[in-house]
């Protein structure tokens, strides 16, 4: 009787090993597939964030870097709608000191984005490089002057929208 029990165990061992090997292979495959899916999902989120924030950055830059002495408060209020965090405070301080000079010089500045690109992107924070042309008119300039600027805007997600949380001239 003992011999037949050992024979049954011996013949069952390869089957048991096969089940274990297949189980481990399935778990590894599922883990790799999950990791690949997660990586692709994050890449898709970054791509989407880059596209959406870049579109918002173009609109924001045109509002933030434009003003008209005749409608200065309205121009600045429009720019403030695109700002958040410390940049909102910085923008408010900068534009409050600019108002007197803008009215004295009868300044009109119209910003236009000529090119843009994403520097870095995460699902909730994107760095965008913008080439901004500022068309200036005032009492000290004959005609119109064009200033070409490069600006990096840090865009952050606020609810469903993208806002400027930082700006730096390049």
N, C-alpha and C. Protein backbone atom coordinates (compact mmCIF):
# COMPACT_ATOMS: atom_id res chain seq x y z
N UNK A 1 0.81 -1.18 0.00
CA UNK A 1 0.00 0.00 0.00
C UNK A 1 0.86 1.26 0.00
N UNK A 2 1.93 1.18 0.76
CA UNK A 2 2.79 2.35 0.80
C UNK A 2 3.37 2.70 -0.55
N UNK A 3 3.75 1.78 -1.27
CA UNK A 3 4.34 2.02 -2.59
C UNK A 3 3.36 2.69 -3.52
N UNK A 4 2.11 2.32 -3.44
CA UNK A 4 1.13 2.95 -4.33
C UNK A 4 0.85 4.38 -3.93
N UNK A 5 0.94 4.72 -2.63
CA UNK A 5 0.75 6.10 -2.18
C UNK A 5 1.89 6.99 -2.68
N UNK A 6 3.10 6.49 -2.61
CA UNK A 6 4.26 7.24 -3.10
C UNK A 6 4.20 7.44 -4.60
N UNK A 7 3.71 6.45 -5.29
CA UNK A 7 3.60 6.57 -6.75
C UNK A 7 2.59 7.64 -7.11
N UNK A 8 1.51 7.74 -6.35
CA UNK A 8 0.49 8.77 -6.62
C UNK A 8 1.03 10.15 -6.33
N UNK A 9 1.81 10.26 -5.27
CA UNK A 9 2.40 11.57 -4.93
C UNK A 9 3.43 11.98 -5.96
N UNK A 10 4.21 11.04 -6.38
CA UNK A 10 5.25 11.34 -7.36
C UNK A 10 4.64 11.78 -8.68
N UNK A 11 3.56 11.14 -9.08
CA UNK A 11 2.95 11.53 -10.35
C UNK A 11 2.20 12.84 -10.22
N UNK A 12 1.75 13.24 -9.00
CA UNK A 12 1.03 14.50 -8.80
C UNK A 12 1.96 15.69 -8.66
N UNK A 13 3.21 15.47 -8.30
CA UNK A 13 4.16 16.56 -8.09
C UNK A 13 4.39 17.39 -9.34
N UNK A 14 4.62 16.80 -10.52
CA UNK A 14 4.81 17.63 -11.71
C UNK A 14 3.56 18.45 -12.03
N UNK A 15 2.39 17.89 -11.80
CA UNK A 15 1.14 18.63 -12.05
C UNK A 15 1.00 19.82 -11.12
N UNK A 16 1.37 19.62 -9.86
CA UNK A 16 1.30 20.69 -8.87
C UNK A 16 2.31 21.78 -9.21
N UNK A 17 3.48 21.41 -9.62
CA UNK A 17 4.50 22.38 -10.02
C UNK A 17 4.03 23.20 -11.21
N UNK A 18 3.40 22.52 -12.15
CA UNK A 18 2.89 23.21 -13.34
C UNK A 18 1.84 24.25 -12.95
N UNK A 19 0.95 23.88 -12.03
CA UNK A 19 -0.08 24.82 -11.56
C UNK A 19 0.57 26.02 -10.89
N UNK A 20 1.58 25.78 -10.06
CA UNK A 20 2.27 26.88 -9.37
C UNK A 20 2.98 27.78 -10.38
N UNK A 21 3.70 27.18 -11.32
CA UNK A 21 4.41 27.96 -12.34
C UNK A 21 3.42 28.78 -13.16
N UNK A 22 2.33 28.17 -13.58
CA UNK A 22 1.32 28.90 -14.37
C UNK A 22 0.69 30.02 -13.54
N UNK A 23 0.42 29.76 -12.27
CA UNK A 23 -0.16 30.78 -11.40
C UNK A 23 0.78 31.97 -11.25
N UNK A 24 2.04 31.70 -11.02
CA UNK A 24 3.04 32.77 -10.90
C UNK A 24 3.14 33.54 -12.21
N UNK A 25 3.14 32.83 -13.33
CA UNK A 25 3.22 33.50 -14.64
C UNK A 25 2.01 34.39 -14.87
N UNK A 26 0.83 33.92 -14.49
CA UNK A 26 -0.39 34.73 -14.66
C UNK A 26 -0.33 35.97 -13.79
N UNK A 27 0.10 35.82 -12.54
CA UNK A 27 0.21 36.97 -11.64
C UNK A 27 1.23 37.97 -12.17
N UNK A 28 2.38 37.49 -12.64
CA UNK A 28 3.39 38.38 -13.21
C UNK A 28 2.86 39.10 -14.45
N UNK A 29 2.20 38.36 -15.32
CA UNK A 29 1.64 38.96 -16.53
C UNK A 29 0.60 40.02 -16.18
N UNK A 30 -0.27 39.71 -15.21
CA UNK A 30 -1.29 40.68 -14.79
C UNK A 30 -0.63 41.92 -14.21
N UNK A 31 0.43 41.73 -13.41
CA UNK A 31 1.14 42.87 -12.85
C UNK A 31 1.79 43.73 -13.91
N UNK A 32 2.43 43.09 -14.88
CA UNK A 32 3.06 43.84 -15.97
C UNK A 32 2.02 44.56 -16.83
N UNK A 33 0.91 43.88 -17.09
CA UNK A 33 -0.15 44.51 -17.88
C UNK A 33 -0.73 45.70 -17.13
N UNK A 34 -0.92 45.56 -15.82
CA UNK A 34 -1.42 46.67 -15.01
C UNK A 34 -0.46 47.84 -15.00
N UNK A 35 0.82 47.55 -14.86
CA UNK A 35 1.84 48.60 -14.87
C UNK A 35 1.89 49.31 -16.22
N UNK A 36 1.78 48.54 -17.29
CA UNK A 36 1.78 49.14 -18.64
C UNK A 36 0.56 50.01 -18.83
N UNK A 37 -0.60 49.52 -18.38
CA UNK A 37 -1.82 50.32 -18.50
C UNK A 37 -1.69 51.62 -17.71
N UNK A 38 -1.19 51.52 -16.47
CA UNK A 38 -1.05 52.70 -15.63
C UNK A 38 -0.09 53.70 -16.26
N UNK A 39 1.02 53.21 -16.79
CA UNK A 39 1.98 54.10 -17.46
C UNK A 39 1.36 54.80 -18.65
N UNK A 40 0.60 54.07 -19.45
CA UNK A 40 -0.07 54.66 -20.61
C UNK A 40 -1.14 55.66 -20.16
N UNK A 41 -1.86 55.32 -19.10
CA UNK A 41 -2.90 56.21 -18.58
C UNK A 41 -2.28 57.53 -18.11
N UNK A 42 -1.16 57.46 -17.39
CA UNK A 42 -0.47 58.67 -16.93
C UNK A 42 0.05 59.48 -18.11
N UNK A 43 0.57 58.81 -19.12
CA UNK A 43 1.05 59.51 -20.32
C UNK A 43 -0.10 60.22 -21.01
N UNK A 44 -1.25 59.55 -21.10
CA UNK A 44 -2.43 60.18 -21.70
C UNK A 44 -2.86 61.39 -20.89
N UNK A 45 -2.81 61.28 -19.56
CA UNK A 45 -3.16 62.41 -18.70
C UNK A 45 -2.21 63.58 -18.93
N UNK A 46 -0.90 63.29 -19.02
CA UNK A 46 0.08 64.36 -19.27
C UNK A 46 -0.15 65.01 -20.62
N UNK A 47 -0.42 64.20 -21.64
CA UNK A 47 -0.67 64.75 -22.98
C UNK A 47 -1.90 65.65 -22.97
N UNK A 48 -2.96 65.18 -22.34
CA UNK A 48 -4.19 65.96 -22.25
C UNK A 48 -3.96 67.25 -21.47
N UNK A 49 -3.25 67.15 -20.36
CA UNK A 49 -2.94 68.33 -19.56
C UNK A 49 -2.11 69.32 -20.36
N UNK A 50 -1.14 68.83 -21.12
CA UNK A 50 -0.32 69.70 -21.95
C UNK A 50 -1.14 70.45 -22.98
N UNK A 51 -2.00 69.74 -23.68
CA UNK A 51 -2.85 70.38 -24.71
C UNK A 51 -3.79 71.40 -24.09
N UNK A 52 -4.50 70.99 -23.04
CA UNK A 52 -5.49 71.88 -22.43
C UNK A 52 -4.85 73.10 -21.79
N UNK A 53 -3.74 72.89 -21.08
CA UNK A 53 -3.10 74.02 -20.41
C UNK A 53 -2.43 74.96 -21.40
N UNK A 54 -1.91 74.43 -22.50
CA UNK A 54 -1.29 75.30 -23.50
C UNK A 54 -2.34 76.21 -24.14
N UNK A 55 -3.51 75.68 -24.42
CA UNK A 55 -4.58 76.52 -24.97
C UNK A 55 -4.98 77.59 -23.96
N UNK A 56 -5.08 77.21 -22.69
CA UNK A 56 -5.42 78.18 -21.65
C UNK A 56 -4.31 79.20 -21.47
N UNK A 57 -3.06 78.78 -21.58
CA UNK A 57 -1.92 79.68 -21.41
C UNK A 57 -1.90 80.76 -22.49
N UNK A 58 -2.24 80.40 -23.71
CA UNK A 58 -2.28 81.39 -24.80
C UNK A 58 -3.30 82.47 -24.49
N UNK A 59 -4.49 82.05 -24.10
CA UNK A 59 -5.56 83.01 -23.77
C UNK A 59 -5.16 83.84 -22.56
N UNK A 60 -4.59 83.19 -21.55
CA UNK A 60 -4.18 83.90 -20.34
C UNK A 60 -3.11 84.94 -20.63
N UNK A 61 -2.11 84.57 -21.43
CA UNK A 61 -1.02 85.50 -21.74
C UNK A 61 -1.55 86.73 -22.46
N UNK A 62 -2.46 86.53 -23.39
CA UNK A 62 -3.02 87.67 -24.11
C UNK A 62 -3.76 88.60 -23.16
N UNK A 63 -4.45 88.04 -22.16
CA UNK A 63 -5.17 88.87 -21.20
C UNK A 63 -4.22 89.52 -20.19
N UNK A 64 -3.29 88.75 -19.68
CA UNK A 64 -2.40 89.24 -18.62
C UNK A 64 -1.43 90.30 -19.12
N UNK A 65 -0.93 90.15 -20.34
CA UNK A 65 0.09 91.06 -20.85
C UNK A 65 -0.47 92.14 -21.77
N UNK A 66 -1.78 92.36 -21.73
CA UNK A 66 -2.43 93.42 -22.52
C UNK A 66 -3.14 94.39 -21.58
N UNK A 67 -3.17 95.65 -21.98
CA UNK A 67 -3.99 96.64 -21.26
C UNK A 67 -4.19 97.86 -22.14
N UNK A 68 -5.20 98.63 -21.78
CA UNK A 68 -5.55 99.85 -22.50
C UNK A 68 -5.83 100.91 -21.44
N UNK A 69 -5.15 102.04 -21.51
CA UNK A 69 -5.31 103.07 -20.50
C UNK A 69 -6.76 103.54 -20.37
N UNK A 70 -7.53 103.47 -21.46
CA UNK A 70 -8.93 103.93 -21.44
C UNK A 70 -9.83 102.97 -20.67
N UNK A 71 -9.47 101.71 -20.63
CA UNK A 71 -10.27 100.68 -19.95
C UNK A 71 -9.36 99.86 -19.04
N UNK A 72 -8.43 100.53 -18.38
CA UNK A 72 -7.39 99.84 -17.62
C UNK A 72 -7.96 98.86 -16.59
N UNK A 73 -8.91 99.32 -15.79
CA UNK A 73 -9.45 98.45 -14.74
C UNK A 73 -10.12 97.21 -15.32
N UNK A 74 -10.81 97.36 -16.42
CA UNK A 74 -11.45 96.22 -17.07
C UNK A 74 -10.40 95.27 -17.64
N UNK A 75 -9.35 95.83 -18.25
CA UNK A 75 -8.27 95.00 -18.80
C UNK A 75 -7.61 94.17 -17.70
N UNK A 76 -7.35 94.81 -16.58
CA UNK A 76 -6.67 94.13 -15.47
C UNK A 76 -7.60 93.11 -14.81
N UNK A 77 -8.87 93.45 -14.68
CA UNK A 77 -9.83 92.49 -14.11
C UNK A 77 -9.91 91.24 -14.98
N UNK A 78 -9.84 91.42 -16.28
CA UNK A 78 -9.83 90.27 -17.19
C UNK A 78 -8.58 89.42 -16.96
N UNK A 79 -7.43 90.06 -16.83
CA UNK A 79 -6.19 89.34 -16.58
C UNK A 79 -6.22 88.58 -15.26
N UNK A 80 -6.83 89.18 -14.24
CA UNK A 80 -6.90 88.53 -12.92
C UNK A 80 -7.69 87.23 -12.96
N UNK A 81 -8.62 87.09 -13.88
CA UNK A 81 -9.42 85.86 -13.93
C UNK A 81 -8.58 84.65 -14.31
N UNK A 82 -7.39 84.87 -14.84
CA UNK A 82 -6.51 83.77 -15.25
C UNK A 82 -5.42 83.46 -14.22
N UNK A 83 -5.34 84.26 -13.15
CA UNK A 83 -4.26 84.12 -12.17
C UNK A 83 -4.74 83.40 -10.92
N UNK A 84 -3.81 82.71 -10.27
CA UNK A 84 -4.12 82.02 -9.02
C UNK A 84 -2.88 81.99 -8.14
N UNK A 85 -3.09 81.73 -6.86
CA UNK A 85 -1.98 81.57 -5.93
C UNK A 85 -1.13 82.82 -5.79
N UNK A 86 0.15 82.66 -5.52
CA UNK A 86 1.04 83.80 -5.33
C UNK A 86 1.10 84.71 -6.57
N UNK A 87 0.93 84.14 -7.75
CA UNK A 87 0.98 84.96 -8.96
C UNK A 87 -0.18 85.96 -8.99
N UNK A 88 -1.34 85.59 -8.47
CA UNK A 88 -2.48 86.51 -8.46
C UNK A 88 -2.14 87.76 -7.64
N UNK A 89 -1.48 87.56 -6.51
CA UNK A 89 -1.07 88.69 -5.67
C UNK A 89 -0.01 89.53 -6.38
N UNK A 90 0.97 88.86 -6.97
CA UNK A 90 2.04 89.56 -7.70
C UNK A 90 1.46 90.38 -8.86
N UNK A 91 0.52 89.78 -9.59
CA UNK A 91 -0.11 90.47 -10.72
C UNK A 91 -0.88 91.70 -10.24
N UNK A 92 -1.60 91.57 -9.14
CA UNK A 92 -2.36 92.70 -8.59
C UNK A 92 -1.42 93.83 -8.18
N UNK A 93 -0.30 93.50 -7.54
CA UNK A 93 0.66 94.52 -7.11
C UNK A 93 1.31 95.21 -8.31
N UNK A 94 1.73 94.42 -9.29
CA UNK A 94 2.40 94.97 -10.46
C UNK A 94 1.47 95.90 -11.24
N UNK A 95 0.25 95.46 -11.46
CA UNK A 95 -0.67 96.27 -12.27
C UNK A 95 -1.15 97.51 -11.53
N UNK A 96 -1.19 97.46 -10.19
CA UNK A 96 -1.60 98.66 -9.45
C UNK A 96 -0.57 99.77 -9.59
N UNK A 97 0.71 99.41 -9.67
CA UNK A 97 1.75 100.43 -9.86
C UNK A 97 1.84 100.88 -11.32
N UNK A 98 1.34 100.08 -12.22
CA UNK A 98 1.39 100.38 -13.65
C UNK A 98 0.30 101.36 -14.09
N UNK A 99 -0.79 101.40 -13.37
CA UNK A 99 -1.97 102.17 -13.80
C UNK A 99 -1.66 103.65 -14.04
N UNK A 100 -0.98 104.28 -13.11
CA UNK A 100 -0.69 105.71 -13.25
C UNK A 100 0.15 106.00 -14.49
N UNK A 101 1.19 105.21 -14.71
CA UNK A 101 2.05 105.40 -15.88
C UNK A 101 1.29 105.13 -17.17
N UNK A 102 0.45 104.12 -17.18
CA UNK A 102 -0.33 103.79 -18.38
C UNK A 102 -1.26 104.93 -18.75
N UNK A 103 -1.90 105.53 -17.76
CA UNK A 103 -2.81 106.64 -18.05
C UNK A 103 -2.05 107.90 -18.44
N UNK A 104 -0.95 108.16 -17.80
CA UNK A 104 -0.14 109.34 -18.12
C UNK A 104 0.39 109.26 -19.55
N UNK A 105 0.85 108.08 -19.96
CA UNK A 105 1.41 107.89 -21.30
C UNK A 105 0.37 107.50 -22.34
N UNK A 106 -0.87 107.35 -21.91
CA UNK A 106 -1.95 106.88 -22.80
C UNK A 106 -1.53 105.59 -23.52
N UNK A 107 -1.08 104.66 -22.71
CA UNK A 107 -0.52 103.41 -23.23
C UNK A 107 -1.59 102.39 -23.58
N UNK A 108 -1.38 101.77 -24.72
CA UNK A 108 -2.20 100.65 -25.17
C UNK A 108 -1.22 99.53 -25.53
N UNK A 109 -1.37 98.41 -24.87
CA UNK A 109 -0.50 97.26 -25.11
C UNK A 109 -1.40 96.07 -25.45
N UNK A 110 -1.15 95.50 -26.62
CA UNK A 110 -1.92 94.34 -27.07
C UNK A 110 -0.94 93.18 -27.24
N UNK A 111 -1.16 92.13 -26.46
CA UNK A 111 -0.28 90.96 -26.51
C UNK A 111 -0.86 89.91 -27.45
N UNK A 112 0.03 89.29 -28.20
CA UNK A 112 -0.38 88.22 -29.12
C UNK A 112 0.67 87.10 -29.03
N UNK A 113 0.19 85.88 -28.83
CA UNK A 113 1.09 84.73 -28.75
C UNK A 113 1.40 84.26 -30.16
N UNK A 114 2.69 84.22 -30.50
CA UNK A 114 3.08 83.79 -31.85
C UNK A 114 3.48 82.32 -31.91
N UNK A 115 3.92 81.77 -30.77
CA UNK A 115 4.28 80.34 -30.73
C UNK A 115 4.27 79.89 -29.28
N UNK A 116 4.11 78.59 -29.09
CA UNK A 116 4.08 78.05 -27.73
C UNK A 116 4.50 76.59 -27.74
N UNK A 117 4.90 76.12 -26.58
CA UNK A 117 5.26 74.72 -26.44
C UNK A 117 5.28 74.32 -24.98
N UNK A 118 5.07 73.05 -24.73
CA UNK A 118 5.09 72.52 -23.38
C UNK A 118 6.53 72.19 -22.99
N UNK A 119 6.96 72.67 -21.84
CA UNK A 119 8.29 72.36 -21.32
C UNK A 119 8.22 71.08 -20.50
N UNK A 120 7.36 71.07 -19.50
CA UNK A 120 7.13 69.87 -18.69
C UNK A 120 5.63 69.76 -18.43
N UNK A 121 5.17 68.53 -18.24
CA UNK A 121 3.74 68.33 -18.00
C UNK A 121 3.51 67.23 -16.99
N UNK A 122 2.62 67.50 -16.07
CA UNK A 122 2.06 66.52 -15.14
C UNK A 122 0.55 66.72 -15.22
N UNK A 123 -0.23 65.79 -14.74
CA UNK A 123 -1.68 65.93 -14.86
C UNK A 123 -2.26 67.20 -14.25
N UNK A 124 -1.59 67.78 -13.23
CA UNK A 124 -2.15 68.96 -12.57
C UNK A 124 -1.23 70.19 -12.60
N UNK A 125 -0.10 70.10 -13.30
CA UNK A 125 0.84 71.23 -13.38
C UNK A 125 1.63 71.13 -14.68
N UNK A 126 1.66 72.25 -15.42
CA UNK A 126 2.34 72.26 -16.72
C UNK A 126 3.14 73.55 -16.85
N UNK A 127 4.36 73.43 -17.35
CA UNK A 127 5.20 74.60 -17.67
C UNK A 127 5.09 74.82 -19.17
N UNK A 128 4.70 76.04 -19.57
CA UNK A 128 4.50 76.36 -20.98
C UNK A 128 5.41 77.52 -21.37
N UNK A 129 6.11 77.37 -22.48
CA UNK A 129 6.92 78.45 -23.03
C UNK A 129 6.10 79.15 -24.11
N UNK A 130 6.02 80.47 -23.99
CA UNK A 130 5.25 81.26 -24.96
C UNK A 130 6.14 82.34 -25.57
N UNK A 131 6.00 82.53 -26.86
CA UNK A 131 6.61 83.66 -27.55
C UNK A 131 5.49 84.68 -27.71
N UNK A 132 5.66 85.82 -27.04
CA UNK A 132 4.60 86.82 -26.98
C UNK A 132 5.09 88.11 -27.63
N UNK A 133 4.35 88.57 -28.62
CA UNK A 133 4.59 89.88 -29.21
C UNK A 133 3.67 90.87 -28.52
N UNK A 134 4.25 91.97 -28.05
CA UNK A 134 3.45 93.03 -27.45
C UNK A 134 3.51 94.24 -28.37
N UNK A 135 2.36 94.63 -28.86
CA UNK A 135 2.23 95.79 -29.73
C UNK A 135 1.88 96.97 -28.85
N UNK A 136 2.80 97.97 -28.82
CA UNK A 136 2.66 99.11 -27.90
C UNK A 136 2.41 100.41 -28.66
N UNK A 137 1.52 101.17 -28.10
CA UNK A 137 1.28 102.54 -28.55
C UNK A 137 1.20 103.42 -27.30
N UNK A 138 1.82 104.58 -27.37
CA UNK A 138 1.66 105.58 -26.32
C UNK A 138 2.13 106.93 -26.86
N UNK A 139 2.02 107.95 -26.04
CA UNK A 139 2.34 109.30 -26.51
C UNK A 139 3.83 109.48 -26.79
N UNK A 140 4.66 108.60 -26.29
CA UNK A 140 6.11 108.70 -26.50
C UNK A 140 6.60 107.94 -27.72
N UNK A 141 5.72 107.21 -28.38
CA UNK A 141 6.10 106.38 -29.53
C UNK A 141 5.36 106.88 -30.77
N UNK A 142 6.09 107.03 -31.84
CA UNK A 142 5.45 107.35 -33.12
C UNK A 142 5.04 106.02 -33.75
N UNK A 143 3.76 105.87 -34.01
CA UNK A 143 3.28 104.61 -34.58
C UNK A 143 3.16 103.54 -33.51
N UNK A 144 3.57 102.35 -33.89
CA UNK A 144 3.45 101.21 -32.99
C UNK A 144 4.81 100.52 -32.86
N UNK A 145 5.14 100.12 -31.66
CA UNK A 145 6.38 99.41 -31.40
C UNK A 145 6.04 97.97 -31.04
N UNK A 146 6.85 97.04 -31.51
CA UNK A 146 6.63 95.63 -31.19
C UNK A 146 7.76 95.14 -30.30
N UNK A 147 7.40 94.62 -29.14
CA UNK A 147 8.36 93.98 -28.25
C UNK A 147 8.14 92.48 -28.34
N UNK A 148 9.22 91.76 -28.61
CA UNK A 148 9.12 90.30 -28.69
C UNK A 148 9.67 89.72 -27.39
N UNK A 149 8.84 88.95 -26.73
CA UNK A 149 9.19 88.40 -25.42
C UNK A 149 9.03 86.88 -25.40
N UNK A 150 9.82 86.25 -24.55
CA UNK A 150 9.64 84.83 -24.25
C UNK A 150 9.26 84.74 -22.78
N UNK A 151 8.21 84.00 -22.52
CA UNK A 151 7.69 83.90 -21.16
C UNK A 151 7.39 82.45 -20.84
N UNK A 152 7.72 82.05 -19.63
CA UNK A 152 7.33 80.73 -19.15
C UNK A 152 6.18 80.92 -18.17
N UNK A 153 5.06 80.28 -18.45
CA UNK A 153 3.92 80.31 -17.53
C UNK A 153 3.80 78.95 -16.87
N UNK A 154 3.63 78.97 -15.56
CA UNK A 154 3.32 77.75 -14.83
C UNK A 154 1.81 77.68 -14.70
N UNK A 155 1.25 76.65 -15.29
CA UNK A 155 -0.20 76.47 -15.29
C UNK A 155 -0.56 75.37 -14.30
N UNK A 156 -1.58 75.63 -13.47
CA UNK A 156 -2.06 74.61 -12.53
C UNK A 156 -3.56 74.44 -12.72
N UNK A 157 -3.99 73.22 -12.46
CA UNK A 157 -5.42 72.92 -12.59
C UNK A 157 -6.14 73.43 -11.35
N UNK A 158 -7.18 74.23 -11.57
CA UNK A 158 -8.04 74.72 -10.50
C UNK A 158 -9.45 74.30 -10.89
N UNK A 159 -9.95 73.26 -10.24
CA UNK A 159 -11.23 72.69 -10.66
C UNK A 159 -11.09 72.10 -12.04
N UNK A 160 -11.91 72.57 -12.96
CA UNK A 160 -11.84 72.09 -14.35
C UNK A 160 -11.04 73.03 -15.25
N UNK A 161 -10.52 74.11 -14.69
CA UNK A 161 -9.82 75.13 -15.47
C UNK A 161 -8.32 75.11 -15.19
N UNK A 162 -7.58 75.74 -16.09
CA UNK A 162 -6.14 75.94 -15.92
C UNK A 162 -5.90 77.40 -15.62
N UNK A 163 -5.11 77.69 -14.59
CA UNK A 163 -4.79 79.05 -14.18
C UNK A 163 -3.28 79.24 -14.12
N UNK A 164 -2.86 80.49 -14.22
CA UNK A 164 -1.44 80.84 -14.14
C UNK A 164 -1.05 80.97 -12.67
N UNK A 165 -0.08 80.16 -12.24
CA UNK A 165 0.40 80.27 -10.86
C UNK A 165 1.81 80.85 -10.80
N UNK A 166 2.40 81.09 -11.97
CA UNK A 166 3.72 81.69 -12.01
C UNK A 166 4.06 82.14 -13.42
N UNK A 167 4.84 83.20 -13.51
CA UNK A 167 5.28 83.71 -14.82
C UNK A 167 6.72 84.19 -14.68
N UNK A 168 7.51 83.89 -15.69
CA UNK A 168 8.91 84.33 -15.68
C UNK A 168 9.33 84.66 -17.10
N UNK A 169 10.01 85.80 -17.24
CA UNK A 169 10.59 86.15 -18.54
C UNK A 169 11.80 85.26 -18.77
N UNK A 170 11.99 84.86 -20.02
CA UNK A 170 13.11 83.98 -20.36
C UNK A 170 14.11 84.78 -21.17
